[in-house]
Amino acid sequence: MKKQLFQLLFACLLLCSANLWSQVHKLPELSYAFNALEPHIDSTTMNIHYSRHHAAYVNNLNNLIKDTDQEKLSLEALMHNISKYSAGVRNNGGGHYNHTLFWSILTPIQDTKPSPALAKAINATFGSMDSLKIALEKAGATRFGSGWAWLSVDNNNKLFVSSTANQDNPLMDVVEQRGTPILGIDVWEHAYYLKYQNKRAEYLSNIWAIINWDEVSRRYAAAVKTVKMKKK
């Protein structure tokens, strides 16, 4: 009996492993613990947000594109031509892309700073870092319902702030202001409600303490390089 039970459990494990291995898109590993961003983002919110919400987007996306040509496309390629695909792919693909970026631009390390190149671009576009913060907080605070606030690079290598609804993002060919996002702030209620309740503005103000400017700067440099290569 024990042998049969062991064989059954082993078979289930192999099946689950095979299913996970065959997935085109996967939940990215976090570089920090769930409680590492406290007190700015609490561990319970992080756990639920990552393990349930983001995981659901990944699983739904894989199921939606299974056995279609969309399986062959990168996540970025899906975003660039999202108008060609279903609402489900748009919502879940956007959810996967947006959250993957979001986790990467957060850090428990204090006092990271923009690179000289990014700092120069911020000052040239917004006048100062404080002005950028005001613009992004306003974009997030005034987004009605669920959505995101973004700092992106356009096709002329200029920075701009925008906001999108639901799980849309600036890469998509369905939004007004298109570009490459380098910083995104989630303003869905599940991102902050357990700690901040309806105080979205307080959440937006506090999140600056955990922004990973090293990662934002890396994304800025990559976006600028890509634009320059396209223009050659």
C-alpha atoms as a PDB file:
ATOM      1  CA  MET A   1       0.000   0.000   0.000  1.00  0.00           C
ATOM      2  CA  LYS A   2       2.817   2.371   0.942  1.00  0.00           C
ATOM      3  CA  LYS A   3       4.680   1.463  -2.250  1.00  0.00           C
ATOM      4  CA  GLN A   4       1.608   2.206  -4.391  1.00  0.00           C
ATOM      5  CA  LEU A   5       1.059   5.512  -2.607  1.00  0.00           C
ATOM      6  CA  PHE A   6       4.696   6.460  -3.163  1.00  0.00           C
ATOM      7  CA  GLN A   7       4.444   5.570  -6.863  1.00  0.00           C
ATOM      8  CA  LEU A   8       1.276   7.662  -7.198  1.00  0.00           C
ATOM      9  CA  LEU A   9       2.881  10.665  -5.494  1.00  0.00           C
ATOM     10  CA  PHE A  10       5.984  10.303  -7.635  1.00  0.00           C
ATOM     11  CA  ALA A  11       3.883  10.171 -10.808  1.00  0.00           C
ATOM     12  CA  CYS A  12       1.993  13.304  -9.762  1.00  0.00           C
ATOM     13  CA  LEU A  13       5.267  15.057  -9.067  1.00  0.00           C
ATOM     14  CA  LEU A  14       6.597  14.164 -12.499  1.00  0.00           C
ATOM     15  CA  LEU A  15       3.376  15.335 -14.146  1.00  0.00           C
ATOM     16  CA  CYS A  16       3.397  18.648 -12.296  1.00  0.00           C
ATOM     17  CA  SER A  17       7.067  19.155 -13.119  1.00  0.00           C
ATOM     18  CA  ALA A  18       6.419  18.410 -16.779  1.00  0.00           C
ATOM     19  CA  ASN A  19       3.562  20.910 -16.891  1.00  0.00           C
ATOM     20  CA  LEU A  20       5.678  23.625 -15.268  1.00  0.00           C
ATOM     21  CA  TRP A  21       8.609  22.874 -17.558  1.00  0.00           C
ATOM     22  CA  SER A  22       6.422  23.083 -20.658  1.00  0.00           C
ATOM     23  CA  GLN A  23       5.073  26.512 -19.778  1.00  0.00           C
ATOM     24  CA  VAL A  24       6.228  29.225 -22.166  1.00  0.00           C
ATOM     25  CA  HIS A  25       5.940  31.969 -19.581  1.00  0.00           C
ATOM     26  CA  LYS A  26       7.023  31.506 -15.982  1.00  0.00           C
ATOM     27  CA  LEU A  27       6.668  33.382 -12.715  1.00  0.00           C
ATOM     28  CA  PRO A  28       9.993  35.178 -12.182  1.00  0.00           C
ATOM     29  CA  GLU A  29      11.905  34.607  -8.974  1.00  0.00           C
ATOM     30  CA  LEU A  30      11.989  37.538  -6.561  1.00  0.00           C
ATOM     31  CA  SER A  31      15.403  38.818  -5.516  1.00  0.00           C
ATOM     32  CA  TYR A  32      14.134  39.620  -2.022  1.00  0.00           C
ATOM     33  CA  ALA A  33      11.896  38.078   0.660  1.00  0.00           C
ATOM     34  CA  PHE A  34       8.211  38.939   1.003  1.00  0.00           C
ATOM     35  CA  ASN A  35       8.920  40.970   4.144  1.00  0.00           C
ATOM     36  CA  ALA A  36      11.985  42.757   2.750  1.00  0.00           C
ATOM     37  CA  LEU A  37      10.055  45.836   1.597  1.00  0.00           C
ATOM     38  CA  GLU A  38       8.406  46.535   4.955  1.00  0.00           C
ATOM     39  CA  PRO A  39       7.166  48.889   6.265  1.00  0.00           C
ATOM     40  CA  HIS A  40       6.439  50.368   2.829  1.00  0.00           C
ATOM     41  CA  ILE A  41       4.837  47.188   1.441  1.00  0.00           C
ATOM     42  CA  ASP A  42       3.779  44.553   3.964  1.00  0.00           C
ATOM     43  CA  SER A  43       4.713  40.889   3.626  1.00  0.00           C
ATOM     44  CA  THR A  44       1.105  39.659   3.385  1.00  0.00           C
ATOM     45  CA  THR A  45       0.388  41.942   0.448  1.00  0.00           C
ATOM     46  CA  MET A  46       3.623  40.880  -1.256  1.00  0.00           C
ATOM     47  CA  ASN A  47       2.839  37.195  -0.800  1.00  0.00           C
ATOM     48  CA  ILE A  48      -0.717  37.452  -2.127  1.00  0.00           C
ATOM     49  CA  HIS A  49       0.227  39.854  -4.906  1.00  0.00           C
ATOM     50  CA  TYR A  50       3.061  37.685  -6.188  1.00  0.00           C
ATOM     51  CA  SER A  51       1.936  34.144  -5.374  1.00  0.00           C
ATOM     52  CA  ARG A  52      -1.708  34.535  -6.358  1.00  0.00           C
ATOM     53  CA  HIS A  53      -2.312  37.538  -8.599  1.00  0.00           C
ATOM     54  CA  HIS A  54       0.854  37.394 -10.704  1.00  0.00           C
ATOM     55  CA  ALA A  55       0.864  33.599 -10.756  1.00  0.00           C
ATOM     56  CA  ALA A  56      -2.718  33.638 -12.050  1.00  0.00           C
ATOM     57  CA  TYR A  57      -1.757  35.955 -14.919  1.00  0.00           C
ATOM     58  CA  VAL A  58       1.072  33.622 -15.903  1.00  0.00           C
ATOM     59  CA  ASN A  59      -1.054  30.487 -15.767  1.00  0.00           C
ATOM     60  CA  ASN A  60      -3.956  32.090 -17.626  1.00  0.00           C
ATOM     61  CA  LEU A  61      -1.660  33.431 -20.340  1.00  0.00           C
ATOM     62  CA  ASN A  62      -0.050  30.037 -20.895  1.00  0.00           C
ATOM     63  CA  ASN A  63      -3.450  28.386 -21.144  1.00  0.00           C
ATOM     64  CA  LEU A  64      -4.747  31.010 -23.579  1.00  0.00           C
ATOM     65  CA  ILE A  65      -1.821  30.757 -25.999  1.00  0.00           C
ATOM     66  CA  LYS A  66      -1.335  26.988 -25.764  1.00  0.00           C
ATOM     67  CA  ASP A  67      -1.034  25.376 -29.208  1.00  0.00           C
ATOM     68  CA  THR A  68      -1.207  28.744 -31.008  1.00  0.00           C
ATOM     69  CA  ASP A  69       1.384  30.776 -32.893  1.00  0.00           C
ATOM     70  CA  GLN A  70       1.462  33.115 -29.909  1.00  0.00           C
ATOM     71  CA  GLU A  71       3.470  30.516 -27.997  1.00  0.00           C
ATOM     72  CA  LYS A  72       6.427  31.320 -30.243  1.00  0.00           C
ATOM     73  CA  LEU A  73       6.394  35.028 -29.435  1.00  0.00           C
ATOM     74  CA  SER A  74       8.281  36.748 -26.655  1.00  0.00           C
ATOM     75  CA  LEU A  75       6.258  38.624 -24.070  1.00  0.00           C
ATOM     76  CA  GLU A  76       7.488  41.926 -25.549  1.00  0.00           C
ATOM     77  CA  ALA A  77       6.416  40.864 -29.046  1.00  0.00           C
ATOM     78  CA  LEU A  78       2.931  40.087 -27.730  1.00  0.00           C
ATOM     79  CA  MET A  79       2.748  43.537 -26.146  1.00  0.00           C
ATOM     80  CA  HIS A  80       3.853  45.357 -29.295  1.00  0.00           C
ATOM     81  CA  ASN A  81       1.045  43.771 -31.349  1.00  0.00           C
ATOM     82  CA  ILE A  82      -1.537  43.201 -28.644  1.00  0.00           C
ATOM     83  CA  SER A  83      -4.407  44.544 -30.780  1.00  0.00           C
ATOM     84  CA  LYS A  84      -4.160  41.347 -32.846  1.00  0.00           C
ATOM     85  CA  TYR A  85      -4.943  39.119 -29.895  1.00  0.00           C
ATOM     86  CA  SER A  86      -7.833  38.394 -27.571  1.00  0.00           C
ATOM     87  CA  ALA A  87      -8.848  40.428 -24.549  1.00  0.00           C
ATOM     88  CA  GLY A  88      -7.682  37.550 -22.377  1.00  0.00           C
ATOM     89  CA  VAL A  89      -4.178  37.641 -23.817  1.00  0.00           C
ATOM     90  CA  ARG A  90      -4.156  41.419 -23.461  1.00  0.00           C
ATOM     91  CA  ASN A  91      -5.183  41.307 -19.801  1.00  0.00           C
ATOM     92  CA  ASN A  92      -3.066  38.354 -18.713  1.00  0.00           C
ATOM     93  CA  GLY A  93      -0.061  39.111 -20.917  1.00  0.00           C
ATOM     94  CA  GLY A  94      -0.093  42.680 -19.684  1.00  0.00           C
ATOM     95  CA  GLY A  95      -0.465  41.476 -16.109  1.00  0.00           C
ATOM     96  CA  HIS A  96       2.576  39.224 -16.476  1.00  0.00           C
ATOM     97  CA  TYR A  97       4.736  41.871 -18.170  1.00  0.00           C
ATOM     98  CA  ASN A  98       3.730  44.677 -15.793  1.00  0.00           C
ATOM     99  CA  HIS A  99       4.299  42.706 -12.610  1.00  0.00           C
ATOM    100  CA  THR A 100       7.618  41.296 -13.795  1.00  0.00           C
ATOM    101  CA  LEU A 101       8.816  44.861 -14.332  1.00  0.00           C
ATOM    102  CA  PHE A 102       7.296  46.025 -11.036  1.00  0.00           C
ATOM    103  CA  TRP A 103       9.130  43.449  -8.905  1.00  0.00           C
ATOM    104  CA  SER A 104      12.416  44.280 -10.605  1.00  0.00           C
ATOM    105  CA  ILE A 105      12.269  48.009  -9.845  1.00  0.00           C
ATOM    106  CA  LEU A 106      11.655  47.485  -6.122  1.00  0.00           C
ATOM    107  CA  THR A 107      14.443  46.860  -3.617  1.00  0.00           C
ATOM    108  CA  PRO A 108      15.053  46.744   0.140  1.00  0.00           C
ATOM    109  CA  ILE A 109      18.415  48.448  -0.449  1.00  0.00           C
ATOM    110  CA  GLN A 110      18.298  52.038   0.695  1.00  0.00           C
ATOM    111  CA  ASP A 111      19.550  55.072  -1.218  1.00  0.00           C
ATOM    112  CA  THR A 112      19.977  53.723  -4.739  1.00  0.00           C
ATOM    113  CA  LYS A 113      20.292  56.605  -7.189  1.00  0.00           C
ATOM    114  CA  PRO A 114      19.680  57.199 -10.896  1.00  0.00           C
ATOM    115  CA  SER A 115      22.718  56.868 -13.138  1.00  0.00           C
ATOM    116  CA  PRO A 116      24.263  60.161 -14.332  1.00  0.00           C
ATOM    117  CA  ALA A 117      22.646  59.645 -17.747  1.00  0.00           C
ATOM    118  CA  LEU A 118      19.192  59.024 -16.290  1.00  0.00           C
ATOM    119  CA  ALA A 119      19.530  61.869 -13.786  1.00  0.00           C
ATOM    120  CA  LYS A 120      20.435  64.203 -16.651  1.00  0.00           C
ATOM    121  CA  ALA A 121      17.413  63.062 -18.664  1.00  0.00           C
ATOM    122  CA  ILE A 122      15.093  63.489 -15.669  1.00  0.00           C
ATOM    123  CA  ASN A 123      16.334  67.018 -15.048  1.00  0.00           C
ATOM    124  CA  ALA A 124      16.072  67.899 -18.747  1.00  0.00           C
ATOM    125  CA  THR A 125      12.489  66.635 -19.013  1.00  0.00           C
ATOM    126  CA  PHE A 126      10.960  67.360 -15.617  1.00  0.00           C
ATOM    127  CA  GLY A 127      13.301  69.935 -14.085  1.00  0.00           C
ATOM    128  CA  SER A 128      14.155  67.828 -11.044  1.00  0.00           C
ATOM    129  CA  MET A 129      13.630  64.454  -9.379  1.00  0.00           C
ATOM    130  CA  ASP A 130      11.001  66.026  -7.121  1.00  0.00           C
ATOM    131  CA  SER A 131       9.046  67.182 -10.175  1.00  0.00           C
ATOM    132  CA  LEU A 132       9.212  63.674 -11.641  1.00  0.00           C
ATOM    133  CA  LYS A 133       7.861  62.248  -8.385  1.00  0.00           C
ATOM    134  CA  ILE A 134       4.998  64.743  -8.404  1.00  0.00           C
ATOM    135  CA  ALA A 135       4.129  63.839 -11.998  1.00  0.00           C
ATOM    136  CA  LEU A 136       4.189  60.083 -11.362  1.00  0.00           C
ATOM    137  CA  GLU A 137       2.218  60.348  -8.137  1.00  0.00           C
ATOM    138  CA  LYS A 138      -0.392  62.442  -9.910  1.00  0.00           C
ATOM    139  CA  ALA A 139      -0.604  59.909 -12.763  1.00  0.00           C
ATOM    140  CA  GLY A 140      -1.183  57.119 -10.248  1.00  0.00           C
ATOM    141  CA  ALA A 141      -3.534  59.034  -7.956  1.00  0.00           C
ATOM    142  CA  THR A 142      -5.780  60.242 -10.772  1.00  0.00           C
ATOM    143  CA  ARG A 143      -6.051  56.877 -12.512  1.00  0.00           C
ATOM    144  CA  PHE A 144      -9.727  56.025 -12.016  1.00  0.00           C
ATOM    145  CA  GLY A 145     -10.156  52.431 -10.961  1.00  0.00           C
ATOM    146  CA  SER A 146      -7.333  49.970 -11.551  1.00  0.00           C
ATOM    147  CA  GLY A 147      -4.180  50.616 -13.540  1.00  0.00           C
ATOM    148  CA  TRP A 148      -0.562  51.727 -13.604  1.00  0.00           C
ATOM    149  CA  ALA A 149       1.603  54.842 -13.584  1.00  0.00           C
ATOM    150  CA  TRP A 150       4.657  54.758 -15.860  1.00  0.00           C
ATOM    151  CA  LEU A 151       7.955  56.425 -16.628  1.00  0.00           C
ATOM    152  CA  SER A 152       8.919  55.505 -20.178  1.00  0.00           C
ATOM    153  CA  VAL A 153      11.260  56.311 -23.049  1.00  0.00           C
ATOM    154  CA  ASP A 154       9.663  57.325 -26.363  1.00  0.00           C
ATOM    155  CA  ASN A 155      10.934  56.806 -29.924  1.00  0.00           C
ATOM    156  CA  ASN A 156      12.968  60.015 -29.686  1.00  0.00           C
ATOM    157  CA  ASN A 157      14.686  58.865 -26.479  1.00  0.00           C
ATOM    158  CA  LYS A 158      12.673  61.342 -24.427  1.00  0.00           C
ATOM    159  CA  LEU A 159      11.228  60.470 -21.044  1.00  0.00           C
ATOM    160  CA  PHE A 160       7.504  60.777 -20.421  1.00  0.00           C
ATOM    161  CA  VAL A 161       5.029  59.974 -17.656  1.00  0.00           C
ATOM    162  CA  SER A 162       1.734  58.273 -18.449  1.00  0.00           C
ATOM    163  CA  SER A 163      -0.984  56.139 -16.942  1.00  0.00           C
ATOM    164  CA  THR A 164      -2.793  53.102 -18.322  1.00  0.00           C
ATOM    165  CA  ALA A 165      -5.939  51.287 -17.274  1.00  0.00           C
ATOM    166  CA  ASN A 166      -6.138  47.720 -16.025  1.00  0.00           C
ATOM    167  CA  GLN A 167      -3.087  45.746 -17.246  1.00  0.00           C
ATOM    168  CA  ASP A 168      -2.232  47.858 -20.287  1.00  0.00           C
ATOM    169  CA  ASN A 169       1.257  49.312 -20.638  1.00  0.00           C
ATOM    170  CA  PRO A 170       3.146  51.713 -22.947  1.00  0.00           C
ATOM    171  CA  LEU A 171       4.523  48.896 -25.119  1.00  0.00           C
ATOM    172  CA  MET A 172       1.042  48.048 -26.368  1.00  0.00           C
ATOM    173  CA  ASP A 173      -0.218  49.287 -29.712  1.00  0.00           C
ATOM    174  CA  VAL A 174      -3.577  50.183 -28.120  1.00  0.00           C
ATOM    175  CA  VAL A 175      -2.419  53.000 -25.803  1.00  0.00           C
ATOM    176  CA  GLU A 176      -2.173  56.725 -26.564  1.00  0.00           C
ATOM    177  CA  GLN A 177       1.441  57.252 -25.485  1.00  0.00           C
ATOM    178  CA  ARG A 178       3.702  54.453 -26.647  1.00  0.00           C
ATOM    179  CA  GLY A 179       7.245  53.806 -25.507  1.00  0.00           C
ATOM    180  CA  THR A 180       9.450  51.522 -23.457  1.00  0.00           C
ATOM    181  CA  PRO A 181       8.535  51.532 -19.755  1.00  0.00           C
ATOM    182  CA  ILE A 182      11.454  51.735 -17.346  1.00  0.00           C
ATOM    183  CA  LEU A 183       9.496  52.281 -14.116  1.00  0.00           C
ATOM    184  CA  GLY A 184       5.952  51.196 -13.353  1.00  0.00           C
ATOM    185  CA  ILE A 185       3.849  51.614 -10.226  1.00  0.00           C
ATOM    186  CA  ASP A 186       0.901  49.302  -9.671  1.00  0.00           C
ATOM    187  CA  VAL A 187      -2.202  51.172  -8.493  1.00  0.00           C
ATOM    188  CA  TRP A 188      -4.587  48.228  -8.428  1.00  0.00           C
ATOM    189  CA  GLU A 189      -6.104  47.990  -4.956  1.00  0.00           C
ATOM    190  CA  HIS A 190      -4.564  44.566  -4.373  1.00  0.00           C
ATOM    191  CA  ALA A 191      -1.136  46.265  -4.473  1.00  0.00           C
ATOM    192  CA  TYR A 192      -1.751  48.399  -1.402  1.00  0.00           C
ATOM    193  CA  TYR A 193      -5.195  47.990   0.206  1.00  0.00           C
ATOM    194  CA  LEU A 194      -4.293  45.720   3.143  1.00  0.00           C
ATOM    195  CA  LYS A 195      -1.890  48.332   4.507  1.00  0.00           C
ATOM    196  CA  TYR A 196      -3.144  51.639   3.097  1.00  0.00           C
ATOM    197  CA  GLN A 197      -6.882  50.945   2.593  1.00  0.00           C
ATOM    198  CA  ASN A 198      -8.163  53.810   0.407  1.00  0.00           C
ATOM    199  CA  LYS A 199      -5.054  55.973   0.923  1.00  0.00           C
ATOM    200  CA  ARG A 200      -3.550  55.452  -2.514  1.00  0.00           C
ATOM    201  CA  ALA A 201      -1.695  58.764  -2.344  1.00  0.00           C
ATOM    202  CA  GLU A 202       0.147  57.630   0.803  1.00  0.00           C
ATOM    203  CA  TYR A 203       1.163  54.386  -0.910  1.00  0.00           C
ATOM    204  CA  LEU A 204       2.444  56.345  -3.917  1.00  0.00           C
ATOM    205  CA  SER A 205       4.415  58.666  -1.666  1.00  0.00           C
ATOM    206  CA  ASN A 206       5.997  55.841   0.331  1.00  0.00           C
ATOM    207  CA  ILE A 207       7.002  53.667  -2.599  1.00  0.00           C
ATOM    208  CA  TRP A 208       9.879  55.999  -3.527  1.00  0.00           C
ATOM    209  CA  ALA A 209      11.844  54.684  -0.545  1.00  0.00           C
ATOM    210  CA  ILE A 210      12.090  51.252  -2.205  1.00  0.00           C
ATOM    211  CA  ILE A 211      12.602  52.139  -5.879  1.00  0.00           C
ATOM    212  CA  ASN A 212      15.574  50.304  -7.360  1.00  0.00           C
ATOM    213  CA  TRP A 213      17.206  53.097  -9.341  1.00  0.00           C
ATOM    214  CA  ASP A 214      20.013  50.780 -10.423  1.00  0.00           C
ATOM    215  CA  GLU A 215      17.452  48.678 -12.301  1.00  0.00           C
ATOM    216  CA  VAL A 216      15.553  51.697 -13.624  1.00  0.00           C
ATOM    217  CA  SER A 217      18.862  53.127 -14.891  1.00  0.00           C
ATOM    218  CA  ARG A 218      19.726  49.813 -16.558  1.00  0.00           C
ATOM    219  CA  ARG A 219      16.360  49.767 -18.297  1.00  0.00           C
ATOM    220  CA  TYR A 220      16.826  53.383 -19.378  1.00  0.00           C
ATOM    221  CA  ALA A 221      20.219  52.630 -20.931  1.00  0.00           C
ATOM    222  CA  ALA A 222      18.821  49.576 -22.746  1.00  0.00           C
ATOM    223  CA  ALA A 223      15.832  51.530 -24.087  1.00  0.00           C
ATOM    224  CA  VAL A 224      18.030  54.362 -25.355  1.00  0.00           C
ATOM    225  CA  LYS A 225      20.375  51.881 -27.035  1.00  0.00           C
ATOM    226  CA  THR A 226      17.465  50.114 -28.741  1.00  0.00           C
ATOM    227  CA  VAL A 227      16.075  53.385 -30.131  1.00  0.00           C
ATOM    228  CA  LYS A 228      19.492  54.386 -31.474  1.00  0.00           C
ATOM    229  CA  MET A 229      19.952  51.006 -33.164  1.00  0.00           C
ATOM    230  CA  LYS A 230      16.538  51.268 -34.849  1.00  0.00           C
ATOM    231  CA  LYS A 231      17.446  54.653 -36.287  1.00  0.00           C
ATOM    232  CA  LYS A 232      20.694  53.445 -37.900  1.00  0.00           C
END
